[in-house]
Amino acid sequence: MNYISDVISQLVWQLPVNLTMLAQHINDPDLLGQIQHNWNNFVQTGQIWALLIGLVIGYIMRNLTSYG
C-alpha cells in the first residue's frame, strides 16, 4: 500500500504546472452576490425551517441519549 501511495505522489508532483490551472477557471467573480442569491433561495424554498427543526430534534435526541 505504501508503494502505491509513493508512486501516485511522484506522478502528481511531476504534472506540468499549466495543468493545475484548469481548476482555477472563474466564471462569476461576484462571490458575495452568489452567497446572497443562494441564501435567499435557501430561505424562499423553506429549507431553513427544515434545518432549524433538524437542529432542535438533534439537540433533543442528543440530550436524551447522552449519559451523565
PDB file of N, CA and C in Angstrom:
ATOM      1  N   MET A   1       0.826  -1.190   0.000  1.00  0.00           N
ATOM      2  CA  MET A   1       0.000   0.000   0.000  1.00  0.00           C
ATOM      3  C   MET A   1       0.873   1.256   0.000  1.00  0.00           C
ATOM      4  N   ASN A   2       1.951   1.214   0.747  1.00  0.00           N
ATOM      5  CA  ASN A   2       2.843   2.355   0.816  1.00  0.00           C
ATOM      6  C   ASN A   2       3.507   2.620  -0.531  1.00  0.00           C
ATOM      7  N   TYR A   3       3.833   1.557  -1.258  1.00  0.00           N
ATOM      8  CA  TYR A   3       4.450   1.698  -2.575  1.00  0.00           C
ATOM      9  C   TYR A   3       3.513   2.411  -3.541  1.00  0.00           C
ATOM     10  N   ILE A   4       2.229   2.062  -3.501  1.00  0.00           N
ATOM     11  CA  ILE A   4       1.244   2.681  -4.402  1.00  0.00           C
ATOM     12  C   ILE A   4       1.109   4.169  -4.102  1.00  0.00           C
ATOM     13  N   SER A   5       1.058   4.543  -2.830  1.00  0.00           N
ATOM     14  CA  SER A   5       0.938   5.959  -2.489  1.00  0.00           C
ATOM     15  C   SER A   5       2.188   6.737  -2.894  1.00  0.00           C
ATOM     16  N   ASP A   6       3.358   6.104  -2.804  1.00  0.00           N
ATOM     17  CA  ASP A   6       4.592   6.769  -3.250  1.00  0.00           C
ATOM     18  C   ASP A   6       4.580   7.002  -4.754  1.00  0.00           C
ATOM     19  N   VAL A   7       4.109   6.017  -5.507  1.00  0.00           N
ATOM     20  CA  VAL A   7       4.052   6.154  -6.959  1.00  0.00           C
ATOM     21  C   VAL A   7       3.067   7.252  -7.350  1.00  0.00           C
ATOM     22  N   ILE A   8       1.917   7.278  -6.696  1.00  0.00           N
ATOM     23  CA  ILE A   8       0.912   8.301  -7.002  1.00  0.00           C
ATOM     24  C   ILE A   8       1.440   9.687  -6.662  1.00  0.00           C
ATOM     25  N   SER A   9       2.110   9.837  -5.537  1.00  0.00           N
ATOM     26  CA  SER A   9       2.637  11.149  -5.171  1.00  0.00           C
ATOM     27  C   SER A   9       3.709  11.603  -6.150  1.00  0.00           C
ATOM     28  N   GLN A  10       4.530  10.674  -6.641  1.00  0.00           N
ATOM     29  CA  GLN A  10       5.540  11.037  -7.627  1.00  0.00           C
ATOM     30  C   GLN A  10       4.895  11.486  -8.937  1.00  0.00           C
ATOM     31  N   LEU A  11       3.817  10.810  -9.337  1.00  0.00           N
ATOM     32  CA  LEU A  11       3.118  11.195 -10.568  1.00  0.00           C
ATOM     33  C   LEU A  11       2.491  12.578 -10.436  1.00  0.00           C
ATOM     34  N   VAL A  12       1.912  12.861  -9.279  1.00  0.00           N
ATOM     35  CA  VAL A  12       1.270  14.162  -9.076  1.00  0.00           C
ATOM     36  C   VAL A  12       2.307  15.277  -9.075  1.00  0.00           C
ATOM     37  N   TRP A  13       3.459  15.059  -8.457  1.00  0.00           N
ATOM     38  CA  TRP A  13       4.484  16.093  -8.395  1.00  0.00           C
ATOM     39  C   TRP A  13       5.084  16.379  -9.758  1.00  0.00           C
ATOM     40  N   GLN A  14       5.005  15.426 -10.679  1.00  0.00           N
ATOM     41  CA  GLN A  14       5.614  15.619 -11.988  1.00  0.00           C
ATOM     42  C   GLN A  14       4.635  16.149 -13.024  1.00  0.00           C
ATOM     43  N   LEU A  15       3.419  16.501 -12.634  1.00  0.00           N
ATOM     44  CA  LEU A  15       2.465  17.089 -13.567  1.00  0.00           C
ATOM     45  C   LEU A  15       2.945  18.473 -13.983  1.00  0.00           C
ATOM     46  N   PRO A  16       2.685  18.867 -15.207  1.00  0.00           N
ATOM     47  CA  PRO A  16       3.072  20.224 -15.613  1.00  0.00           C
ATOM     48  C   PRO A  16       2.268  21.280 -14.852  1.00  0.00           C
ATOM     49  N   VAL A  17       2.854  22.443 -14.673  1.00  0.00           N
ATOM     50  CA  VAL A  17       2.242  23.492 -13.871  1.00  0.00           C
ATOM     51  C   VAL A  17       0.970  24.014 -14.525  1.00  0.00           C
ATOM     52  N   ASN A  18       0.936  24.127 -15.851  1.00  0.00           N
ATOM     53  CA  ASN A  18      -0.235  24.682 -16.516  1.00  0.00           C
ATOM     54  C   ASN A  18      -1.437  23.747 -16.438  1.00  0.00           C
ATOM     55  N   LEU A  19      -1.242  22.478 -16.110  1.00  0.00           N
ATOM     56  CA  LEU A  19      -2.354  21.565 -15.949  1.00  0.00           C
ATOM     57  C   LEU A  19      -3.138  21.882 -14.678  1.00  0.00           C
ATOM     58  N   THR A  20      -2.455  22.380 -13.651  1.00  0.00           N
ATOM     59  CA  THR A  20      -3.138  22.709 -12.404  1.00  0.00           C
ATOM     60  C   THR A  20      -3.977  23.977 -12.533  1.00  0.00           C
ATOM     61  N   MET A  21      -3.765  24.763 -13.563  1.00  0.00           N
ATOM     62  CA  MET A  21      -4.533  25.999 -13.744  1.00  0.00           C
ATOM     63  C   MET A  21      -5.945  25.722 -14.241  1.00  0.00           C
ATOM     64  N   LEU A  22      -6.230  24.512 -14.706  1.00  0.00           N
ATOM     65  CA  LEU A  22      -7.556  24.200 -15.214  1.00  0.00           C
ATOM     66  C   LEU A  22      -8.621  24.294 -14.126  1.00  0.00           C
ATOM     67  N   ALA A  23      -8.260  23.994 -12.913  1.00  0.00           N
ATOM     68  CA  ALA A  23      -9.221  24.001 -11.818  1.00  0.00           C
ATOM     69  C   ALA A  23      -9.480  25.404 -11.295  1.00  0.00           C
ATOM     70  N   GLN A  24      -8.804  26.412 -11.813  1.00  0.00           N
ATOM     71  CA  GLN A  24      -8.935  27.750 -11.277  1.00  0.00           C
ATOM     72  C   GLN A  24      -9.656  28.697 -12.225  1.00  0.00           C
ATOM     73  N   HIS A  25     -10.478  28.156 -13.110  1.00  0.00           N
ATOM     74  CA  HIS A  25     -11.244  28.996 -14.036  1.00  0.00           C
ATOM     75  C   HIS A  25     -12.462  29.552 -13.303  1.00  0.00           C
ATOM     76  N   ILE A  26     -12.615  30.867 -13.278  1.00  0.00           N
ATOM     77  CA  ILE A  26     -13.698  31.514 -12.543  1.00  0.00           C
ATOM     78  C   ILE A  26     -14.670  32.129 -13.537  1.00  0.00           C
ATOM     79  N   ASN A  27     -15.935  31.702 -13.462  1.00  0.00           N
ATOM     80  CA  ASN A  27     -16.958  32.240 -14.362  1.00  0.00           C
ATOM     81  C   ASN A  27     -17.529  33.547 -13.849  1.00  0.00           C
ATOM     82  N   ASP A  28     -17.916  33.595 -12.581  1.00  0.00           N
ATOM     83  CA  ASP A  28     -18.542  34.775 -11.998  1.00  0.00           C
ATOM     84  C   ASP A  28     -17.767  35.164 -10.743  1.00  0.00           C
ATOM     85  N   PRO A  29     -17.018  36.255 -10.769  1.00  0.00           N
ATOM     86  CA  PRO A  29     -16.191  36.608  -9.619  1.00  0.00           C
ATOM     87  C   PRO A  29     -16.969  37.255  -8.471  1.00  0.00           C
ATOM     88  N   ASP A  30     -18.270  37.463  -8.615  1.00  0.00           N
ATOM     89  CA  ASP A  30     -19.071  38.113  -7.571  1.00  0.00           C
ATOM     90  C   ASP A  30     -19.446  37.090  -6.504  1.00  0.00           C
ATOM     91  N   LEU A  31     -18.503  36.803  -5.608  1.00  0.00           N
ATOM     92  CA  LEU A  31     -18.707  35.769  -4.599  1.00  0.00           C
ATOM     93  C   LEU A  31     -19.803  36.157  -3.605  1.00  0.00           C
ATOM     94  N   LEU A  32     -19.794  37.397  -3.137  1.00  0.00           N
ATOM     95  CA  LEU A  32     -20.808  37.818  -2.162  1.00  0.00           C
ATOM     96  C   LEU A  32     -22.200  37.818  -2.783  1.00  0.00           C
ATOM     97  N   GLY A  33     -22.298  38.170  -4.050  1.00  0.00           N
ATOM     98  CA  GLY A  33     -23.585  38.120  -4.732  1.00  0.00           C
ATOM     99  C   GLY A  33     -24.099  36.701  -4.866  1.00  0.00           C
ATOM    100  N   GLN A  34     -23.195  35.751  -5.124  1.00  0.00           N
ATOM    101  CA  GLN A  34     -23.592  34.343  -5.202  1.00  0.00           C
ATOM    102  C   GLN A  34     -24.068  33.832  -3.846  1.00  0.00           C
ATOM    103  N   ILE A  35     -23.369  34.227  -2.788  1.00  0.00           N
ATOM    104  CA  ILE A  35     -23.761  33.802  -1.442  1.00  0.00           C
ATOM    105  C   ILE A  35     -25.135  34.363  -1.100  1.00  0.00           C
ATOM    106  N   GLN A  36     -25.372  35.638  -1.421  1.00  0.00           N
ATOM    107  CA  GLN A  36     -26.656  36.255  -1.121  1.00  0.00           C
ATOM    108  C   GLN A  36     -27.775  35.592  -1.924  1.00  0.00           C
ATOM    109  N   HIS A  37     -27.533  35.309  -3.187  1.00  0.00           N
ATOM    110  CA  HIS A  37     -28.551  34.663  -4.024  1.00  0.00           C
ATOM    111  C   HIS A  37     -28.886  33.272  -3.486  1.00  0.00           C
ATOM    112  N   ASN A  38     -27.860  32.495  -3.125  1.00  0.00           N
ATOM    113  CA  ASN A  38     -28.095  31.147  -2.606  1.00  0.00           C
ATOM    114  C   ASN A  38     -28.786  31.179  -1.244  1.00  0.00           C
ATOM    115  N   TRP A  39     -28.452  32.147  -0.397  1.00  0.00           N
ATOM    116  CA  TRP A  39     -29.113  32.256   0.901  1.00  0.00           C
ATOM    117  C   TRP A  39     -30.588  32.604   0.716  1.00  0.00           C
ATOM    118  N   ASN A  40     -30.883  33.550  -0.186  1.00  0.00           N
ATOM    119  CA  ASN A  40     -32.278  33.911  -0.445  1.00  0.00           C
ATOM    120  C   ASN A  40     -33.051  32.717  -0.985  1.00  0.00           C
ATOM    121  N   ASN A  41     -32.441  31.920  -1.848  1.00  0.00           N
ATOM    122  CA  ASN A  41     -33.091  30.726  -2.364  1.00  0.00           C
ATOM    123  C   ASN A  41     -33.324  29.717  -1.241  1.00  0.00           C
ATOM    124  N   PHE A  42     -32.368  29.602  -0.328  1.00  0.00           N
ATOM    125  CA  PHE A  42     -32.473  28.694   0.814  1.00  0.00           C
ATOM    126  C   PHE A  42     -33.655  29.082   1.700  1.00  0.00           C
ATOM    127  N   VAL A  43     -33.847  30.388   1.900  1.00  0.00           N
ATOM    128  CA  VAL A  43     -34.944  30.868   2.746  1.00  0.00           C
ATOM    129  C   VAL A  43     -36.279  30.738   2.015  1.00  0.00           C
ATOM    130  N   GLN A  44     -36.325  31.105   0.736  1.00  0.00           N
ATOM    131  CA  GLN A  44     -37.579  31.091  -0.015  1.00  0.00           C
ATOM    132  C   GLN A  44     -38.129  29.686  -0.219  1.00  0.00           C
ATOM    133  N   THR A  45     -37.271  28.695  -0.339  1.00  0.00           N
ATOM    134  CA  THR A  45     -37.745  27.331  -0.557  1.00  0.00           C
ATOM    135  C   THR A  45     -38.140  26.637   0.739  1.00  0.00           C
ATOM    136  N   GLY A  46     -37.934  27.276   1.867  1.00  0.00           N
ATOM    137  CA  GLY A  46     -38.341  26.694   3.142  1.00  0.00           C
ATOM    138  C   GLY A  46     -37.335  25.727   3.719  1.00  0.00           C
ATOM    139  N   GLN A  47     -36.175  25.632   3.139  1.00  0.00           N
ATOM    140  CA  GLN A  47     -35.176  24.703   3.655  1.00  0.00           C
ATOM    141  C   GLN A  47     -34.621  25.167   4.996  1.00  0.00           C
ATOM    142  N   ILE A  48     -34.731  26.442   5.278  1.00  0.00           N
ATOM    143  CA  ILE A  48     -34.244  26.935   6.567  1.00  0.00           C
ATOM    144  C   ILE A  48     -35.069  26.358   7.716  1.00  0.00           C
ATOM    145  N   TRP A  49     -36.383  26.163   7.478  1.00  0.00           N
ATOM    146  CA  TRP A  49     -37.219  25.570   8.526  1.00  0.00           C
ATOM    147  C   TRP A  49     -36.824  24.117   8.770  1.00  0.00           C
ATOM    148  N   ALA A  50     -36.511  23.400   7.694  1.00  0.00           N
ATOM    149  CA  ALA A  50     -36.057  22.017   7.857  1.00  0.00           C
ATOM    150  C   ALA A  50     -34.743  21.971   8.633  1.00  0.00           C
ATOM    151  N   LEU A  51     -33.853  22.926   8.370  1.00  0.00           N
ATOM    152  CA  LEU A  51     -32.587  22.988   9.105  1.00  0.00           C
ATOM    153  C   LEU A  51     -32.832  23.256  10.587  1.00  0.00           C
ATOM    154  N   LEU A  52     -33.669  24.239  10.887  1.00  0.00           N
ATOM    155  CA  LEU A  52     -33.928  24.584  12.286  1.00  0.00           C
ATOM    156  C   LEU A  52     -34.616  23.446  13.031  1.00  0.00           C
ATOM    157  N   ILE A  53     -35.601  22.823  12.391  1.00  0.00           N
ATOM    158  CA  ILE A  53     -36.297  21.698  13.024  1.00  0.00           C
ATOM    159  C   ILE A  53     -35.331  20.542  13.247  1.00  0.00           C
ATOM    160  N   GLY A  54     -34.466  20.273  12.267  1.00  0.00           N
ATOM    161  CA  GLY A  54     -33.482  19.205  12.419  1.00  0.00           C
ATOM    162  C   GLY A  54     -32.501  19.483  13.535  1.00  0.00           C
ATOM    163  N   LEU A  55     -32.084  20.738  13.679  1.00  0.00           N
ATOM    164  CA  LEU A  55     -31.172  21.084  14.769  1.00  0.00           C
ATOM    165  C   LEU A  55     -31.832  20.899  16.125  1.00  0.00           C
ATOM    166  N   VAL A  56     -33.086  21.312  16.247  1.00  0.00           N
ATOM    167  CA  VAL A  56     -33.798  21.174  17.520  1.00  0.00           C
ATOM    168  C   VAL A  56     -34.002  19.710  17.857  1.00  0.00           C
ATOM    169  N   ILE A  57     -34.464  18.920  16.899  1.00  0.00           N
ATOM    170  CA  ILE A  57     -34.685  17.491  17.149  1.00  0.00           C
ATOM    171  C   ILE A  57     -33.363  16.792  17.454  1.00  0.00           C
ATOM    172  N   GLY A  58     -32.301  17.149  16.741  1.00  0.00           N
ATOM    173  CA  GLY A  58     -30.993  16.557  17.011  1.00  0.00           C
ATOM    174  C   GLY A  58     -30.481  16.898  18.396  1.00  0.00           C
ATOM    175  N   TYR A  59     -30.695  18.147  18.822  1.00  0.00           N
ATOM    176  CA  TYR A  59     -30.275  18.558  20.163  1.00  0.00           C
ATOM    177  C   TYR A  59     -31.053  17.791  21.229  1.00  0.00           C
ATOM    178  N   ILE A  60     -32.346  17.633  21.015  1.00  0.00           N
ATOM    179  CA  ILE A  60     -33.174  16.892  21.974  1.00  0.00           C
ATOM    180  C   ILE A  60     -32.741  15.432  22.036  1.00  0.00           C
ATOM    181  N   MET A  61     -32.516  14.823  20.873  1.00  0.00           N
ATOM    182  CA  MET A  61     -32.105  13.418  20.840  1.00  0.00           C
ATOM    183  C   MET A  61     -30.722  13.232  21.487  1.00  0.00           C
ATOM    184  N   ARG A  62     -29.834  14.197  21.274  1.00  0.00           N
ATOM    185  CA  ARG A  62     -28.510  14.090  21.891  1.00  0.00           C
ATOM    186  C   ARG A  62     -28.629  14.114  23.398  1.00  0.00           C
ATOM    187  N   ASN A  63     -29.479  15.004  23.908  1.00  0.00           N
ATOM    188  CA  ASN A  63     -29.629  15.101  25.361  1.00  0.00           C
ATOM    189  C   ASN A  63     -30.336  13.890  25.950  1.00  0.00           C
ATOM    190  N   LEU A  64     -31.253  13.301  25.195  1.00  0.00           N
ATOM    191  CA  LEU A  64     -31.944  12.110  25.708  1.00  0.00           C
ATOM    192  C   LEU A  64     -31.063  10.883  25.697  1.00  0.00           C
ATOM    193  N   THR A  65     -30.119  10.812  24.784  1.00  0.00           N
ATOM    194  CA  THR A  65     -29.292   9.609  24.666  1.00  0.00           C
ATOM    195  C   THR A  65     -27.929   9.740  25.309  1.00  0.00           C
ATOM    196  N   SER A  66     -27.576  10.914  25.825  1.00  0.00           N
ATOM    197  CA  SER A  66     -26.260  11.058  26.463  1.00  0.00           C
ATOM    198  C   SER A  66     -26.336  10.586  27.905  1.00  0.00           C
ATOM    199  N   TYR A  67     -25.219  10.130  28.381  1.00  0.00           N
ATOM    200  CA  TYR A  67     -25.151   9.633  29.753  1.00  0.00           C
ATOM    201  C   TYR A  67     -24.394  10.652  30.597  1.00  0.00           C
ATOM    202  N   GLY A  68     -25.013  11.090  31.657  1.00  0.00           N
ATOM    203  CA  GLY A  68     -24.339  11.964  32.594  1.00  0.00           C
ATOM    204  C   GLY A  68     -24.675  13.342  32.353  1.00  0.00           C
TER     205      GLY A  68
END
